[in-house]
Amino acid sequence: MVKHRFTVEAYHKAYEAGALPERVELLEGEVYAVSPMGKKHRLYVMHLDKVFQEAFGDEAVVMVQCPLGLSTDSEPTPDLALLRPPLEAYRERDPGPGDTLLLVEISDTTLVQDRTLKLPLYQKAGIPEVWLVNLVEGVLEVYAFPHYAMERHPKGEAVAPRAFPTRPVAWWV
């Protein structure tokens, strides 16, 4: 069996033609279904959106569940991202790795996929920092460029994004 590999451009054309389901993302040329969000996952997305807006709203653009073009064959949809301002910069173009300060993935059923597929893509693209909210173990895993060595933070321990080192946030609900 031969797999069909997509470029981002071909992926967009297939999506616009109705050939792909509604919730998918492109990782290294392959289309992956995005799992339905459970209640806890939704709660964390809403919580972090609110926390990030309050803490960094004037100094970062908070992007929630929007595609981020990493390369010609990868366009994942992270749960949240902090982007360089201003918002108007994204009126005529999509944000990319150079615009990204922090990506956040909320992981429960997708924990293995997020670690094995998405993290290496983020690292390869030069994303400076990734937070993986590990709902399975109830910890925050922080990965920073260039090595992406994991730091683990338990619930109750506020963490500051590297882009805003003096502003720790309560990442847990």
N, C-alpha and C. Protein backbone atom coordinates (compact mmCIF):
# COMPACT_ATOMS: atom_id res chain seq x y z
N MET A 1 0.84 -1.17 0.00
CA MET A 1 0.00 0.00 0.00
C MET A 1 0.89 1.25 0.00
N VAL A 2 0.57 2.21 -0.84
CA VAL A 2 1.32 3.45 -0.94
C VAL A 2 0.58 4.54 -0.19
N LYS A 3 1.28 5.23 0.69
CA LYS A 3 0.69 6.36 1.39
C LYS A 3 0.81 7.61 0.54
N HIS A 4 -0.19 8.45 0.59
CA HIS A 4 -0.12 9.74 -0.09
C HIS A 4 0.38 10.78 0.90
N ARG A 5 1.45 11.45 0.54
CA ARG A 5 2.00 12.50 1.40
C ARG A 5 1.56 13.85 0.83
N PHE A 6 1.16 14.73 1.72
CA PHE A 6 0.68 16.05 1.34
C PHE A 6 1.71 17.12 1.62
N THR A 7 1.74 18.14 0.80
CA THR A 7 2.37 19.41 1.16
C THR A 7 1.28 20.23 1.84
N VAL A 8 1.65 21.30 2.51
CA VAL A 8 0.65 22.16 3.13
C VAL A 8 -0.30 22.70 2.06
N GLU A 9 0.24 23.07 0.91
CA GLU A 9 -0.59 23.61 -0.17
C GLU A 9 -1.61 22.57 -0.66
N ALA A 10 -1.17 21.34 -0.91
CA ALA A 10 -2.09 20.28 -1.36
C ALA A 10 -3.10 19.93 -0.27
N TYR A 11 -2.67 19.96 0.97
CA TYR A 11 -3.54 19.70 2.13
C TYR A 11 -4.67 20.73 2.17
N HIS A 12 -4.33 22.00 1.98
CA HIS A 12 -5.34 23.06 1.98
C HIS A 12 -6.32 22.88 0.83
N LYS A 13 -5.81 22.52 -0.34
CA LYS A 13 -6.70 22.31 -1.50
C LYS A 13 -7.64 21.13 -1.24
N ALA A 14 -7.12 20.04 -0.69
CA ALA A 14 -7.96 18.88 -0.38
C ALA A 14 -9.02 19.23 0.65
N TYR A 15 -8.64 20.01 1.63
CA TYR A 15 -9.59 20.42 2.68
C TYR A 15 -10.69 21.30 2.08
N GLU A 16 -10.28 22.29 1.27
CA GLU A 16 -11.25 23.20 0.66
C GLU A 16 -12.19 22.47 -0.30
N ALA A 17 -11.72 21.39 -0.91
CA ALA A 17 -12.54 20.59 -1.82
C ALA A 17 -13.47 19.63 -1.07
N GLY A 18 -13.34 19.58 0.25
CA GLY A 18 -14.19 18.70 1.05
C GLY A 18 -13.70 17.27 1.11
N ALA A 19 -12.45 17.04 0.73
CA ALA A 19 -11.90 15.68 0.71
C ALA A 19 -11.35 15.24 2.06
N LEU A 20 -11.28 16.15 3.03
CA LEU A 20 -10.76 15.83 4.36
C LEU A 20 -11.83 16.12 5.40
N PRO A 21 -11.83 15.36 6.49
CA PRO A 21 -12.79 15.66 7.57
C PRO A 21 -12.48 17.01 8.24
N GLU A 22 -13.39 17.44 9.05
CA GLU A 22 -13.32 18.78 9.68
C GLU A 22 -12.11 18.97 10.59
N ARG A 23 -11.84 18.05 11.49
CA ARG A 23 -10.79 18.25 12.49
C ARG A 23 -9.59 17.34 12.21
N VAL A 24 -8.66 17.88 11.42
CA VAL A 24 -7.44 17.15 11.08
C VAL A 24 -6.25 18.09 11.17
N GLU A 25 -5.05 17.52 11.20
CA GLU A 25 -3.83 18.32 11.13
C GLU A 25 -2.80 17.57 10.31
N LEU A 26 -1.88 18.32 9.73
CA LEU A 26 -0.86 17.75 8.85
C LEU A 26 0.47 17.70 9.59
N LEU A 27 1.03 16.48 9.73
CA LEU A 27 2.30 16.29 10.41
C LEU A 27 3.21 15.49 9.50
N GLU A 28 4.28 16.13 9.04
CA GLU A 28 5.24 15.52 8.13
C GLU A 28 4.58 14.85 6.93
N GLY A 29 3.65 15.56 6.32
CA GLY A 29 3.02 15.09 5.10
C GLY A 29 1.86 14.14 5.30
N GLU A 30 1.60 13.72 6.52
CA GLU A 30 0.50 12.79 6.80
C GLU A 30 -0.62 13.50 7.55
N VAL A 31 -1.84 13.16 7.19
CA VAL A 31 -3.02 13.75 7.81
C VAL A 31 -3.43 12.91 9.01
N TYR A 32 -3.60 13.57 10.15
CA TYR A 32 -4.01 12.90 11.38
C TYR A 32 -5.33 13.50 11.86
N ALA A 33 -6.23 12.63 12.27
CA ALA A 33 -7.48 13.09 12.86
C ALA A 33 -7.19 13.69 14.23
N VAL A 34 -7.86 14.78 14.55
CA VAL A 34 -7.74 15.40 15.86
C VAL A 34 -8.82 14.80 16.76
N SER A 35 -8.41 14.27 17.90
CA SER A 35 -9.35 13.64 18.82
C SER A 35 -10.37 14.64 19.35
N PRO A 36 -11.60 14.18 19.57
CA PRO A 36 -12.58 15.06 20.20
C PRO A 36 -12.08 15.47 21.59
N MET A 37 -12.41 16.68 21.99
CA MET A 37 -11.96 17.20 23.27
C MET A 37 -12.88 16.77 24.39
N GLY A 38 -12.29 16.25 25.44
CA GLY A 38 -13.06 15.94 26.63
C GLY A 38 -13.27 17.18 27.49
N LYS A 39 -14.08 17.05 28.52
CA LYS A 39 -14.40 18.20 29.39
C LYS A 39 -13.17 18.79 30.05
N LYS A 40 -12.29 17.92 30.56
CA LYS A 40 -11.09 18.41 31.26
C LYS A 40 -10.17 19.15 30.28
N HIS A 41 -10.04 18.62 29.08
CA HIS A 41 -9.21 19.26 28.05
C HIS A 41 -9.76 20.66 27.75
N ARG A 42 -11.07 20.75 27.52
CA ARG A 42 -11.71 22.06 27.24
C ARG A 42 -11.49 23.02 28.40
N LEU A 43 -11.64 22.54 29.62
CA LEU A 43 -11.46 23.39 30.79
C LEU A 43 -10.05 23.98 30.82
N TYR A 44 -9.04 23.16 30.54
CA TYR A 44 -7.66 23.65 30.54
C TYR A 44 -7.42 24.66 29.42
N VAL A 45 -8.00 24.42 28.25
CA VAL A 45 -7.85 25.38 27.14
C VAL A 45 -8.45 26.72 27.55
N MET A 46 -9.66 26.69 28.10
CA MET A 46 -10.32 27.94 28.51
C MET A 46 -9.55 28.64 29.62
N HIS A 47 -9.08 27.85 30.59
CA HIS A 47 -8.32 28.41 31.71
C HIS A 47 -7.04 29.09 31.22
N LEU A 48 -6.25 28.38 30.41
CA LEU A 48 -4.99 28.95 29.96
C LEU A 48 -5.20 30.14 29.03
N ASP A 49 -6.25 30.12 28.23
CA ASP A 49 -6.57 31.28 27.40
C ASP A 49 -6.78 32.50 28.29
N LYS A 50 -7.58 32.33 29.32
CA LYS A 50 -7.87 33.44 30.24
C LYS A 50 -6.60 33.90 30.97
N VAL A 51 -5.83 32.95 31.50
CA VAL A 51 -4.60 33.28 32.23
C VAL A 51 -3.62 34.01 31.32
N PHE A 52 -3.43 33.50 30.10
CA PHE A 52 -2.49 34.13 29.16
C PHE A 52 -2.97 35.51 28.74
N GLN A 53 -4.26 35.67 28.48
CA GLN A 53 -4.79 37.00 28.11
C GLN A 53 -4.52 38.01 29.22
N GLU A 54 -4.78 37.60 30.46
CA GLU A 54 -4.58 38.51 31.59
C GLU A 54 -3.11 38.81 31.83
N ALA A 55 -2.25 37.81 31.72
CA ALA A 55 -0.83 37.99 32.04
C ALA A 55 -0.02 38.62 30.92
N PHE A 56 -0.34 38.29 29.67
CA PHE A 56 0.51 38.70 28.55
C PHE A 56 -0.24 39.39 27.42
N GLY A 57 -1.52 39.69 27.62
CA GLY A 57 -2.38 40.21 26.56
C GLY A 57 -1.86 41.42 25.82
N ASP A 58 -1.12 42.30 26.48
CA ASP A 58 -0.59 43.47 25.80
C ASP A 58 0.75 43.20 25.12
N GLU A 59 1.42 42.11 25.53
CA GLU A 59 2.76 41.84 25.02
C GLU A 59 2.86 40.57 24.19
N ALA A 60 1.75 39.90 24.00
CA ALA A 60 1.72 38.70 23.17
C ALA A 60 0.31 38.53 22.61
N VAL A 61 0.22 37.90 21.47
CA VAL A 61 -1.06 37.54 20.88
C VAL A 61 -1.34 36.10 21.30
N VAL A 62 -2.50 35.87 21.90
CA VAL A 62 -2.87 34.52 22.31
C VAL A 62 -3.68 33.89 21.18
N MET A 63 -3.17 32.79 20.65
CA MET A 63 -3.84 32.07 19.57
C MET A 63 -4.36 30.75 20.16
N VAL A 64 -5.63 30.46 19.93
CA VAL A 64 -6.27 29.27 20.48
C VAL A 64 -6.72 28.35 19.35
N GLN A 65 -6.17 27.14 19.35
CA GLN A 65 -6.54 26.06 18.44
C GLN A 65 -6.64 26.50 16.98
N CYS A 66 -5.57 27.13 16.51
CA CYS A 66 -5.44 27.52 15.11
C CYS A 66 -4.20 26.85 14.54
N PRO A 67 -4.23 26.54 13.24
CA PRO A 67 -3.07 25.90 12.62
C PRO A 67 -1.84 26.81 12.64
N LEU A 68 -0.69 26.18 12.75
CA LEU A 68 0.58 26.90 12.72
C LEU A 68 1.47 26.22 11.68
N GLY A 69 1.77 26.92 10.62
CA GLY A 69 2.63 26.37 9.57
C GLY A 69 4.06 26.26 10.05
N LEU A 70 4.57 25.03 10.10
CA LEU A 70 5.95 24.81 10.55
C LEU A 70 6.91 24.63 9.38
N SER A 71 6.41 24.00 8.31
CA SER A 71 7.26 23.69 7.15
C SER A 71 6.35 23.47 5.96
N THR A 72 6.91 23.03 4.85
CA THR A 72 6.10 22.79 3.65
C THR A 72 5.22 21.56 3.78
N ASP A 73 5.46 20.70 4.82
CA ASP A 73 4.64 19.51 4.97
C ASP A 73 4.09 19.30 6.39
N SER A 74 4.13 20.35 7.22
CA SER A 74 3.60 20.22 8.59
C SER A 74 2.84 21.47 9.00
N GLU A 75 1.59 21.25 9.43
CA GLU A 75 0.75 22.33 9.93
C GLU A 75 -0.09 21.80 11.10
N PRO A 76 0.54 21.66 12.27
CA PRO A 76 -0.21 21.19 13.44
C PRO A 76 -1.15 22.28 13.96
N THR A 77 -2.05 21.85 14.83
CA THR A 77 -2.98 22.77 15.48
C THR A 77 -2.77 22.67 16.99
N PRO A 78 -1.83 23.45 17.53
CA PRO A 78 -1.62 23.41 18.98
C PRO A 78 -2.84 23.96 19.71
N ASP A 79 -2.98 23.59 20.97
CA ASP A 79 -4.12 24.08 21.74
C ASP A 79 -4.03 25.59 21.96
N LEU A 80 -2.85 26.08 22.31
CA LEU A 80 -2.65 27.51 22.49
C LEU A 80 -1.25 27.88 22.01
N ALA A 81 -1.09 29.16 21.68
CA ALA A 81 0.23 29.68 21.36
C ALA A 81 0.30 31.13 21.79
N LEU A 82 1.46 31.53 22.25
CA LEU A 82 1.76 32.93 22.47
C LEU A 82 2.60 33.38 21.28
N LEU A 83 2.11 34.41 20.58
CA LEU A 83 2.78 34.91 19.39
C LEU A 83 3.29 36.33 19.61
N ARG A 84 4.29 36.70 18.84
CA ARG A 84 4.78 38.08 18.90
C ARG A 84 3.69 39.02 18.41
N PRO A 85 3.51 40.14 19.11
CA PRO A 85 2.53 41.12 18.64
C PRO A 85 3.12 41.94 17.48
N PRO A 86 2.32 42.69 16.80
CA PRO A 86 0.91 42.97 17.02
C PRO A 86 0.01 41.99 16.26
N LEU A 87 -1.23 41.93 16.67
CA LEU A 87 -2.22 41.08 16.02
C LEU A 87 -2.34 41.42 14.53
N GLU A 88 -2.23 42.70 14.21
CA GLU A 88 -2.37 43.14 12.82
C GLU A 88 -1.33 42.52 11.89
N ALA A 89 -0.22 42.05 12.45
CA ALA A 89 0.82 41.42 11.63
C ALA A 89 0.29 40.17 10.95
N TYR A 90 -0.76 39.57 11.49
CA TYR A 90 -1.29 38.31 10.96
C TYR A 90 -2.52 38.52 10.08
N ARG A 91 -2.79 39.76 9.74
CA ARG A 91 -3.93 40.07 8.86
C ARG A 91 -3.66 39.54 7.44
N GLU A 92 -2.45 39.69 6.95
CA GLU A 92 -2.10 39.33 5.58
C GLU A 92 -1.29 38.03 5.49
N ARG A 93 -0.86 37.49 6.63
CA ARG A 93 -0.06 36.27 6.60
C ARG A 93 -0.35 35.44 7.84
N ASP A 94 -0.11 34.15 7.72
CA ASP A 94 -0.30 33.25 8.85
C ASP A 94 0.95 33.28 9.73
N PRO A 95 0.78 33.09 11.03
CA PRO A 95 1.97 33.03 11.90
C PRO A 95 2.78 31.78 11.61
N GLY A 96 4.07 31.87 11.88
CA GLY A 96 4.97 30.75 11.69
C GLY A 96 5.88 30.58 12.89
N PRO A 97 6.86 29.71 12.78
CA PRO A 97 7.76 29.44 13.90
C PRO A 97 8.46 30.69 14.44
N GLY A 98 8.86 31.60 13.57
CA GLY A 98 9.56 32.81 14.01
C GLY A 98 8.70 33.77 14.80
N ASP A 99 7.38 33.60 14.70
CA ASP A 99 6.44 34.45 15.44
C ASP A 99 6.09 33.87 16.80
N THR A 100 6.48 32.63 17.04
CA THR A 100 6.01 31.87 18.19
C THR A 100 6.92 32.03 19.39
N LEU A 101 6.33 32.41 20.51
CA LEU A 101 7.05 32.51 21.78
C LEU A 101 6.88 31.24 22.60
N LEU A 102 5.68 30.66 22.56
CA LEU A 102 5.35 29.47 23.36
C LEU A 102 4.20 28.74 22.68
N LEU A 103 4.30 27.41 22.64
CA LEU A 103 3.18 26.57 22.20
C LEU A 103 2.74 25.73 23.38
N VAL A 104 1.44 25.46 23.46
CA VAL A 104 0.90 24.61 24.53
C VAL A 104 0.03 23.52 23.91
N GLU A 105 0.32 22.30 24.32
CA GLU A 105 -0.52 21.16 23.97
C GLU A 105 -1.11 20.61 25.26
N ILE A 106 -2.43 20.45 25.29
CA ILE A 106 -3.11 19.81 26.42
C ILE A 106 -3.21 18.34 26.04
N SER A 107 -2.61 17.46 26.84
CA SER A 107 -2.48 16.06 26.44
C SER A 107 -3.12 15.11 27.43
N ASP A 108 -4.05 14.35 26.92
CA ASP A 108 -4.61 13.23 27.67
C ASP A 108 -4.56 12.01 26.76
N THR A 109 -5.54 11.84 25.90
CA THR A 109 -5.50 10.71 24.96
C THR A 109 -4.42 10.88 23.89
N THR A 110 -3.91 12.09 23.71
CA THR A 110 -2.90 12.38 22.68
C THR A 110 -1.48 12.46 23.23
N LEU A 111 -1.27 12.05 24.46
CA LEU A 111 0.04 12.21 25.11
C LEU A 111 1.17 11.58 24.30
N VAL A 112 1.01 10.36 23.87
CA VAL A 112 2.08 9.68 23.12
C VAL A 112 2.31 10.39 21.79
N GLN A 113 1.25 10.73 21.08
CA GLN A 113 1.38 11.42 19.79
C GLN A 113 2.03 12.79 19.97
N ASP A 114 1.65 13.51 21.00
CA ASP A 114 2.24 14.83 21.23
C ASP A 114 3.74 14.73 21.51
N ARG A 115 4.13 13.74 22.29
CA ARG A 115 5.56 13.57 22.60
C ARG A 115 6.36 13.06 21.41
N THR A 116 5.83 12.07 20.70
CA THR A 116 6.63 11.40 19.67
C THR A 116 6.53 12.05 18.29
N LEU A 117 5.40 12.67 17.97
CA LEU A 117 5.24 13.29 16.66
C LEU A 117 5.39 14.80 16.68
N LYS A 118 4.66 15.46 17.59
CA LYS A 118 4.65 16.92 17.57
C LYS A 118 5.91 17.55 18.16
N LEU A 119 6.37 17.07 19.31
CA LEU A 119 7.55 17.69 19.92
C LEU A 119 8.76 17.72 18.98
N PRO A 120 9.09 16.61 18.30
CA PRO A 120 10.22 16.68 17.37
C PRO A 120 10.01 17.69 16.24
N LEU A 121 8.76 17.84 15.78
CA LEU A 121 8.47 18.83 14.74
C LEU A 121 8.67 20.25 15.26
N TYR A 122 8.22 20.49 16.48
CA TYR A 122 8.39 21.81 17.08
C TYR A 122 9.87 22.13 17.28
N GLN A 123 10.61 21.13 17.73
CA GLN A 123 12.05 21.32 17.94
C GLN A 123 12.74 21.60 16.60
N LYS A 124 12.44 20.82 15.60
CA LYS A 124 13.03 20.99 14.27
C LYS A 124 12.72 22.37 13.70
N ALA A 125 11.52 22.89 13.98
CA ALA A 125 11.11 24.20 13.48
C ALA A 125 11.71 25.35 14.30
N GLY A 126 12.35 25.03 15.43
CA GLY A 126 12.97 26.06 16.26
C GLY A 126 12.01 26.77 17.19
N ILE A 127 10.89 26.13 17.52
CA ILE A 127 9.95 26.73 18.48
C ILE A 127 10.68 26.84 19.81
N PRO A 128 10.76 28.06 20.39
CA PRO A 128 11.59 28.25 21.57
C PRO A 128 11.14 27.52 22.83
N GLU A 129 9.83 27.29 22.95
CA GLU A 129 9.34 26.64 24.17
C GLU A 129 8.00 25.97 23.90
N VAL A 130 7.86 24.77 24.46
CA VAL A 130 6.60 24.03 24.36
C VAL A 130 6.20 23.58 25.76
N TRP A 131 4.94 23.81 26.10
CA TRP A 131 4.38 23.29 27.34
C TRP A 131 3.43 22.15 26.95
N LEU A 132 3.65 21.01 27.59
CA LEU A 132 2.76 19.87 27.41
C LEU A 132 2.05 19.67 28.75
N VAL A 133 0.79 20.02 28.79
CA VAL A 133 0.00 19.84 30.01
C VAL A 133 -0.44 18.39 30.03
N ASN A 134 0.26 17.60 30.83
CA ASN A 134 0.06 16.16 30.89
C ASN A 134 -1.07 15.88 31.88
N LEU A 135 -2.27 15.70 31.33
CA LEU A 135 -3.44 15.45 32.18
C LEU A 135 -3.44 14.04 32.75
N VAL A 136 -2.70 13.14 32.13
CA VAL A 136 -2.62 11.76 32.62
C VAL A 136 -1.93 11.72 33.98
N GLU A 137 -0.82 12.44 34.12
CA GLU A 137 -0.05 12.45 35.36
C GLU A 137 -0.27 13.71 36.19
N GLY A 138 -1.00 14.69 35.66
CA GLY A 138 -1.26 15.92 36.40
C GLY A 138 -0.03 16.80 36.57
N VAL A 139 0.82 16.85 35.55
CA VAL A 139 2.03 17.69 35.61
C VAL A 139 2.16 18.51 34.33
N LEU A 140 2.95 19.56 34.43
CA LEU A 140 3.31 20.36 33.27
C LEU A 140 4.70 19.95 32.84
N GLU A 141 4.85 19.56 31.58
CA GLU A 141 6.15 19.25 31.03
C GLU A 141 6.57 20.44 30.18
N VAL A 142 7.76 20.98 30.46
CA VAL A 142 8.27 22.14 29.72
C VAL A 142 9.48 21.68 28.91
N TYR A 143 9.47 22.05 27.63
CA TYR A 143 10.55 21.73 26.71
C TYR A 143 11.04 23.04 26.10
N ALA A 144 12.36 23.28 26.14
CA ALA A 144 12.91 24.53 25.62
C ALA A 144 13.99 24.25 24.58
N PHE A 145 14.02 25.08 23.57
CA PHE A 145 14.99 24.98 22.49
C PHE A 145 16.37 25.33 23.02
N PRO A 146 17.44 24.68 22.61
CA PRO A 146 17.50 23.77 21.48
C PRO A 146 17.37 22.30 21.86
N HIS A 147 17.60 21.92 23.12
CA HIS A 147 17.70 20.50 23.49
C HIS A 147 16.37 19.83 23.80
N TYR A 148 15.38 20.61 24.22
CA TYR A 148 14.07 20.08 24.57
C TYR A 148 14.16 19.02 25.67
N ALA A 149 15.04 19.24 26.64
CA ALA A 149 15.10 18.37 27.81
C ALA A 149 13.87 18.68 28.67
N MET A 150 13.18 17.65 29.11
CA MET A 150 11.94 17.84 29.85
C MET A 150 12.17 18.36 31.27
N GLU A 151 11.41 19.40 31.64
CA GLU A 151 11.30 19.84 33.03
C GLU A 151 9.87 19.52 33.45
N ARG A 152 9.69 18.95 34.63
CA ARG A 152 8.35 18.62 35.12
C ARG A 152 7.98 19.54 36.28
N HIS A 153 6.76 20.04 36.24
CA HIS A 153 6.26 20.94 37.29
C HIS A 153 4.92 20.41 37.79
N PRO A 154 4.80 20.16 39.09
CA PRO A 154 3.55 19.64 39.63
C PRO A 154 2.48 20.73 39.73
N LYS A 155 1.23 20.30 39.84
CA LYS A 155 0.15 21.25 40.10
C LYS A 155 0.50 22.03 41.35
N GLY A 156 0.17 23.31 41.34
CA GLY A 156 0.47 24.17 42.48
C GLY A 156 1.76 24.94 42.30
N GLU A 157 2.55 24.59 41.31
CA GLU A 157 3.81 25.29 41.04
C GLU A 157 3.63 26.17 39.80
N ALA A 158 3.58 27.48 40.02
CA ALA A 158 3.43 28.41 38.89
C ALA A 158 4.72 28.38 38.06
N VAL A 159 4.54 28.57 36.76
CA VAL A 159 5.67 28.51 35.82
C VAL A 159 5.65 29.74 34.94
N ALA A 160 6.83 30.31 34.71
CA ALA A 160 6.95 31.48 33.83
C ALA A 160 7.45 31.04 32.46
N PRO A 161 6.77 31.48 31.40
CA PRO A 161 7.33 31.22 30.07
C PRO A 161 8.68 31.90 29.93
N ARG A 162 9.58 31.32 29.18
CA ARG A 162 10.91 31.91 29.02
C ARG A 162 10.85 33.29 28.39
N ALA A 163 9.82 33.57 27.59
CA ALA A 163 9.67 34.89 26.99
C ALA A 163 9.28 35.94 28.04
N PHE A 164 8.74 35.50 29.17
CA PHE A 164 8.30 36.40 30.25
C PHE A 164 8.78 35.82 31.59
N PRO A 165 10.09 35.79 31.81
CA PRO A 165 10.66 35.06 32.95
C PRO A 165 10.26 35.56 34.33
N THR A 166 9.76 36.78 34.43
CA THR A 166 9.37 37.30 35.74
C THR A 166 7.87 37.19 36.00
N ARG A 167 7.14 36.49 35.11
CA ARG A 167 5.69 36.38 35.26
C ARG A 167 5.19 34.95 35.26
N PRO A 168 5.36 34.26 36.38
CA PRO A 168 4.85 32.88 36.45
C PRO A 168 3.32 32.87 36.45
N VAL A 169 2.75 31.84 35.85
CA VAL A 169 1.30 31.71 35.78
C VAL A 169 0.88 30.37 36.39
N ALA A 170 -0.34 30.35 36.90
CA ALA A 170 -0.94 29.13 37.44
C ALA A 170 -1.52 28.37 36.25
N TRP A 171 -0.83 27.35 35.80
CA TRP A 171 -1.20 26.60 34.60
C TRP A 171 -2.28 25.56 34.86
N TRP A 172 -2.49 25.19 36.09
CA TRP A 172 -3.43 24.12 36.45
C TRP A 172 -4.81 24.68 36.78
N VAL A 173 -5.81 23.80 36.72
CA VAL A 173 -7.19 24.18 37.08
C VAL A 173 -7.56 23.38 38.31
